[in-house]
Amino acid sequence: MAFEALRYDVADGVGTVTLNRPDKLNALNTVMLEELLAVLEQADADDSVRVLIVTGAGRAFCAGADLSGGGQTFDRVARGGGEAPGAHRDGGGRVTLRIFDMKKPLIAAINGPAVGFGITMTLPMDIRLASTAARIGFVFSRRGVVPEAASTWFLPRLVGPSQAAEWVYTGRVFSAEEARQGRLVSRVVPPERLLREARELALEIAQNTSAISVALARQMMWRLLGADHPMEAHRLDSRCMDWTGRSADAHEGVTAFLEKRPARFTLRPSADMPPFYPWWRERSFDP
């Protein structure tokens, strides 16, 4: 599929999505929104893709929503939106909820300014690396709107409610190092090393792990963030361990370890997920 507002490349099991409106600092418009949804769908269905890296072209990661429409940028009714008030779904949330459902891990390589949607889109990604050139801001209160893309669910879980409140209420732009200290990003590296480190991390996953194991572990960790008691984790662990323990990948993983050779995992997320996946749509998680 050809894209207009982004680039998509796959090599060695790693897909790289590059937001590609550099003259607009990769600001989100309708075309980019729909293409992000399409590329996520494409990557999730493609067993040759084990990990996704998301980065930006030029000097920015993503400057948030494209504000070139002026004061009515966020006024859906004035811009001809057809839904009744209250019925509209936030476009950023459509993207982050699709990321939340992914079977593949995602790494954000934040190469420059990332504000508004430019940072909220990364919250359901699994690992965030930032360049020293990155500047980050949850700037919604300074634009007279509220945080979107389900970020009021994700952000406090990632950095804690107090840190989330400080960044959201002030709307200020802060450095990559502050983001690291606040646990929003895990590494801050020089610009010339950012994509190399993101790719090395992606290859570590792609070349050494079972795709099924990673897909299940990803959803186990995200879905249990709201669990009331560790018993819910125990029930789900038991169910997933019972199924994976009898799988071809478990046999291969143990055999390869004993034979001191790289494992050759064969199970595919597109076709070989356990019969109880997606378990969160069931009434009970009991094994």
Protein backbone atom coordinates (compact mmCIF):
# COMPACT_ATOMS: atom_id res chain seq x y z
CA MET A 1 0.00 0.00 0.00
CA ALA A 2 1.33 3.44 -0.94
CA PHE A 3 1.21 6.15 1.72
CA GLU A 4 1.15 9.92 1.38
CA ALA A 5 1.78 11.18 4.92
CA LEU A 6 4.10 8.45 6.17
CA ARG A 7 6.72 5.98 5.01
CA TYR A 8 6.72 2.28 5.88
CA ASP A 9 9.67 -0.09 5.50
CA VAL A 10 10.26 -3.65 6.70
CA ALA A 11 13.67 -5.29 7.09
CA ASP A 12 14.88 -8.20 9.24
CA GLY A 13 11.57 -8.53 11.05
CA VAL A 14 11.43 -4.84 11.99
CA GLY A 15 8.87 -2.46 10.52
CA THR A 16 9.66 1.26 10.60
CA VAL A 17 6.85 3.80 10.36
CA THR A 18 8.14 7.31 9.62
CA LEU A 19 5.71 10.22 9.96
CA ASN A 20 6.43 12.10 6.76
CA ARG A 21 5.18 15.69 6.70
CA PRO A 22 8.50 17.31 7.61
CA ASP A 23 7.50 20.74 6.26
CA LYS A 24 4.63 20.69 8.80
CA LEU A 25 6.75 19.15 11.58
CA ASN A 26 4.82 15.93 10.93
CA ALA A 27 1.62 17.43 12.33
CA LEU A 28 -1.41 15.14 12.25
CA ASN A 29 -3.99 15.67 9.53
CA THR A 30 -6.85 13.46 8.35
CA VAL A 31 -4.67 11.67 5.78
CA MET A 32 -2.00 10.79 8.35
CA LEU A 33 -4.64 9.63 10.82
CA GLU A 34 -6.21 7.19 8.37
CA GLU A 35 -2.81 6.02 7.15
CA LEU A 36 -1.66 5.33 10.71
CA LEU A 37 -4.71 3.14 11.24
CA ALA A 38 -4.02 1.36 7.96
CA VAL A 39 -0.33 0.72 8.60
CA LEU A 40 -1.04 -0.61 12.09
CA GLU A 41 -3.57 -3.02 10.63
CA GLN A 42 -1.12 -4.06 7.92
CA ALA A 43 1.77 -4.64 10.33
CA ASP A 44 -0.32 -6.57 12.83
CA ALA A 45 -1.47 -8.99 10.12
CA ASP A 46 2.02 -9.52 8.68
CA ASP A 47 3.95 -12.34 10.37
CA SER A 48 7.20 -11.09 8.85
CA VAL A 49 6.93 -8.03 11.11
CA ARG A 50 7.93 -8.76 14.70
CA VAL A 51 8.44 -5.23 16.04
CA LEU A 52 7.42 -1.73 14.92
CA ILE A 53 9.52 1.42 15.30
CA VAL A 54 7.73 4.76 14.95
CA THR A 55 9.73 7.92 14.26
CA GLY A 56 9.50 11.22 12.39
CA ALA A 57 11.05 12.65 9.24
CA GLY A 58 13.11 15.82 9.50
CA ARG A 59 13.70 17.65 12.75
CA ALA A 60 10.39 16.81 14.51
CA PHE A 61 8.71 13.68 15.73
CA CYS A 62 5.18 15.10 15.58
CA ALA A 63 3.96 18.61 16.39
CA GLY A 64 0.49 17.38 17.32
CA ALA A 65 -2.64 18.31 15.40
CA ASP A 66 -2.23 20.43 12.29
CA LEU A 67 -3.43 23.88 13.45
CA SER A 68 -3.35 25.51 10.01
CA GLY A 69 -7.15 25.59 10.02
CA GLY A 70 -7.06 28.35 12.60
CA GLY A 71 -9.31 28.83 15.61
CA GLN A 72 -11.86 26.26 14.40
CA THR A 73 -9.28 23.45 14.24
CA PHE A 74 -10.94 21.53 17.09
CA ASP A 75 -14.51 22.64 16.31
CA ARG A 76 -15.89 19.60 14.57
CA VAL A 77 -19.36 21.06 14.03
CA ALA A 78 -17.99 24.24 12.45
CA ARG A 79 -15.84 22.11 10.15
CA GLY A 80 -18.90 20.19 8.96
CA GLY A 81 -18.74 17.12 11.20
CA GLY A 82 -21.91 15.12 10.76
CA GLU A 83 -22.28 13.38 14.13
CA ALA A 84 -24.48 14.79 16.86
CA PRO A 85 -22.62 16.39 19.79
CA GLY A 86 -21.36 13.64 22.09
CA ALA A 87 -21.43 10.95 19.40
CA HIS A 88 -18.07 11.79 17.84
CA ARG A 89 -15.01 9.58 18.48
CA ASP A 90 -11.69 11.36 18.93
CA GLY A 91 -9.37 10.46 16.05
CA GLY A 92 -6.30 10.21 18.26
CA GLY A 93 -8.10 7.71 20.45
CA ARG A 94 -8.84 5.54 17.44
CA VAL A 95 -5.09 5.32 16.84
CA THR A 96 -4.06 4.67 20.43
CA LEU A 97 -6.75 2.05 20.98
CA ARG A 98 -5.56 0.25 17.84
CA ILE A 99 -2.01 0.35 19.19
CA PHE A 100 -3.30 -0.99 22.52
CA ASP A 101 -4.75 -4.02 20.70
CA MET A 102 -1.56 -4.79 18.73
CA LYS A 103 0.08 -8.21 18.93
CA LYS A 104 3.43 -6.64 18.02
CA PRO A 105 5.53 -4.49 20.38
CA LEU A 106 6.11 -0.87 19.36
CA ILE A 107 9.14 1.32 20.01
CA ALA A 108 8.81 5.10 19.75
CA ALA A 109 12.02 6.75 18.54
CA ILE A 110 11.24 10.37 19.46
CA ASN A 111 13.69 12.27 17.30
CA GLY A 112 12.53 15.85 17.96
CA PRO A 113 9.58 17.90 19.21
CA ALA A 114 6.62 15.75 20.29
CA VAL A 115 3.65 17.71 21.60
CA GLY A 116 -0.07 17.05 21.87
CA PHE A 117 -0.92 13.99 19.81
CA GLY A 118 2.77 13.77 19.03
CA ILE A 119 3.37 12.46 22.54
CA THR A 120 -0.02 10.95 23.43
CA MET A 121 0.22 8.61 20.43
CA THR A 122 3.33 7.06 22.00
CA LEU A 123 1.76 6.25 25.36
CA PRO A 124 0.35 2.81 24.39
CA MET A 125 3.64 1.96 22.70
CA ASP A 126 5.85 -0.32 24.76
CA ILE A 127 9.20 1.48 24.84
CA ARG A 128 10.00 5.14 24.24
CA LEU A 129 13.51 6.31 23.34
CA ALA A 130 14.21 10.02 22.91
CA SER A 131 16.88 12.06 21.20
CA THR A 132 18.53 14.85 23.16
CA ALA A 133 16.84 17.11 20.59
CA ALA A 134 13.36 16.00 21.68
CA ARG A 135 11.04 18.46 23.40
CA ILE A 136 7.82 17.08 24.84
CA GLY A 137 4.58 18.71 25.92
CA PHE A 138 1.03 17.79 26.89
CA VAL A 139 -0.03 21.26 25.75
CA PHE A 140 -3.82 20.83 25.67
CA SER A 141 -4.62 23.24 28.51
CA ARG A 142 -2.70 25.95 26.63
CA ARG A 143 -4.92 25.41 23.58
CA GLY A 144 -8.22 25.40 25.50
CA VAL A 145 -8.93 21.70 25.01
CA VAL A 146 -8.40 18.53 27.02
CA PRO A 147 -5.96 15.61 26.71
CA GLU A 148 -7.08 13.18 24.01
CA ALA A 149 -6.10 9.79 22.58
CA ALA A 150 -7.11 8.09 25.86
CA SER A 151 -4.03 9.71 27.42
CA THR A 152 -5.77 10.33 30.76
CA TRP A 153 -5.87 6.53 31.10
CA PHE A 154 -2.36 5.79 29.84
CA LEU A 155 -0.24 8.62 31.24
CA PRO A 156 -0.93 8.22 35.00
CA ARG A 157 -0.30 4.50 34.70
CA LEU A 158 3.07 5.12 33.06
CA VAL A 159 4.44 7.96 35.21
CA GLY A 160 2.14 8.14 38.23
CA PRO A 161 -0.75 10.56 38.86
CA SER A 162 1.32 13.36 40.41
CA GLN A 163 3.82 13.60 37.54
CA ALA A 164 1.01 13.28 35.00
CA ALA A 165 -0.90 16.09 36.71
CA GLU A 166 2.08 18.45 36.67
CA TRP A 167 2.73 17.97 32.97
CA VAL A 168 -0.95 18.08 31.93
CA TYR A 169 -2.10 20.97 34.12
CA THR A 170 0.79 23.28 33.23
CA GLY A 171 0.86 22.29 29.56
CA ARG A 172 4.51 23.25 29.49
CA VAL A 173 7.10 21.87 27.08
CA PHE A 174 9.97 20.01 28.75
CA SER A 175 13.23 18.31 27.87
CA ALA A 176 13.96 14.70 26.99
CA GLU A 177 16.00 14.40 30.17
CA GLU A 178 13.03 15.50 32.28
CA ALA A 179 10.94 12.92 30.44
CA ARG A 180 13.51 10.26 31.36
CA GLN A 181 13.59 11.33 34.99
CA GLY A 182 9.79 11.19 35.02
CA ARG A 183 9.88 7.65 33.53
CA LEU A 184 8.10 8.64 30.33
CA VAL A 185 11.10 7.59 28.20
CA SER A 186 13.64 4.91 29.09
CA ARG A 187 16.70 6.33 27.29
CA VAL A 188 17.94 9.67 26.01
CA VAL A 189 20.60 9.41 23.31
CA PRO A 190 22.34 11.71 20.81
CA PRO A 191 20.33 12.23 17.60
CA GLU A 192 22.76 10.23 15.47
CA ARG A 193 22.34 7.17 17.71
CA LEU A 194 18.57 7.19 18.16
CA LEU A 195 17.45 4.99 15.28
CA ARG A 196 20.44 2.69 15.68
CA GLU A 197 19.58 2.03 19.32
CA ALA A 198 15.89 1.60 18.52
CA ARG A 199 16.74 -0.88 15.80
CA GLU A 200 19.19 -2.81 17.99
CA LEU A 201 16.49 -3.17 20.60
CA ALA A 202 13.93 -4.23 17.99
CA LEU A 203 16.31 -6.84 16.56
CA GLU A 204 16.97 -8.23 20.03
CA ILE A 205 13.27 -9.02 20.19
CA ALA A 206 12.80 -10.07 16.56
CA GLN A 207 15.75 -12.46 16.39
CA ASN A 208 15.60 -14.17 19.78
CA THR A 209 12.03 -14.57 20.92
CA SER A 210 8.80 -16.39 20.15
CA ALA A 211 6.30 -14.11 18.42
CA ILE A 212 3.45 -15.81 20.29
CA SER A 213 5.17 -15.39 23.66
CA VAL A 214 5.74 -11.68 23.05
CA ALA A 215 2.20 -11.11 21.77
CA LEU A 216 0.67 -12.79 24.81
CA ALA A 217 3.04 -11.10 27.27
CA ARG A 218 2.28 -7.70 25.74
CA GLN A 219 -1.45 -8.10 26.19
CA MET A 220 -1.11 -9.73 29.62
CA MET A 221 0.80 -6.74 30.98
CA TRP A 222 -1.44 -4.07 29.42
CA ARG A 223 -4.76 -5.76 30.26
CA LEU A 224 -3.82 -6.40 33.88
CA LEU A 225 -2.99 -2.75 34.63
CA GLY A 226 -6.51 -2.28 35.96
CA ALA A 227 -6.78 -5.60 37.82
CA ASP A 228 -8.08 -5.37 41.38
CA HIS A 229 -6.01 -8.23 42.81
CA PRO A 230 -2.96 -10.30 41.79
CA MET A 231 -5.27 -13.32 41.69
CA GLU A 232 -6.46 -12.03 38.31
CA ALA A 233 -2.87 -12.18 37.07
CA HIS A 234 -2.44 -15.65 38.58
CA ARG A 235 -5.52 -16.95 36.77
CA LEU A 236 -4.39 -15.50 33.47
CA ASP A 237 -0.76 -16.61 33.95
CA SER A 238 -1.98 -20.13 34.64
CA ARG A 239 -4.13 -20.23 31.54
CA CYS A 240 -1.46 -18.82 29.23
CA MET A 241 1.35 -20.90 30.75
CA ASP A 242 -0.69 -24.08 30.35
CA TRP A 243 -1.30 -23.35 26.66
CA THR A 244 2.20 -22.10 25.77
CA GLY A 245 3.84 -24.88 27.79
CA ARG A 246 2.27 -27.45 25.46
CA SER A 247 3.11 -25.52 22.29
CA ALA A 248 5.70 -26.19 19.60
CA ASP A 249 7.49 -22.96 20.52
CA ALA A 250 7.99 -24.06 24.14
CA HIS A 251 9.38 -27.40 22.97
CA GLU A 252 11.73 -25.61 20.57
CA GLY A 253 12.79 -23.00 23.13
CA VAL A 254 13.82 -25.60 25.71
CA THR A 255 15.43 -27.91 23.14
CA ALA A 256 17.45 -25.06 21.62
CA PHE A 257 18.68 -24.05 25.08
CA LEU A 258 19.79 -27.59 25.89
CA GLU A 259 21.46 -27.96 22.49
CA LYS A 260 23.13 -24.54 22.84
CA ARG A 261 21.82 -23.21 19.52
CA PRO A 262 19.52 -20.36 18.44
CA ALA A 263 15.85 -21.25 18.67
CA ARG A 264 13.76 -21.51 15.51
CA PHE A 265 10.26 -20.53 16.59
CA THR A 266 7.46 -21.29 14.14
CA LEU A 267 4.15 -20.21 15.66
CA ARG A 268 2.53 -17.20 13.97
CA PRO A 269 0.38 -14.53 15.64
CA SER A 270 -1.83 -14.34 12.54
CA ALA A 271 -2.94 -17.97 12.81
CA ASP A 272 -1.69 -19.65 15.99
CA MET A 273 -2.92 -17.62 18.95
CA PRO A 274 -4.59 -19.70 21.68
CA PRO A 275 -8.32 -20.38 21.34
CA PHE A 276 -9.13 -18.15 24.34
CA TYR A 277 -7.49 -15.06 22.74
CA PRO A 278 -8.70 -12.31 23.11
CA TRP A 279 -9.61 -13.35 26.65
CA TRP A 280 -10.67 -9.87 27.77
CA ARG A 281 -13.85 -10.20 25.75
CA GLU A 282 -14.97 -13.13 27.90
CA ARG A 283 -17.03 -12.82 31.06
CA SER A 284 -14.49 -14.79 33.11
CA PHE A 285 -10.72 -15.23 33.00
CA ASP A 286 -10.86 -18.49 34.96
CA PRO A 287 -8.68 -21.28 33.47
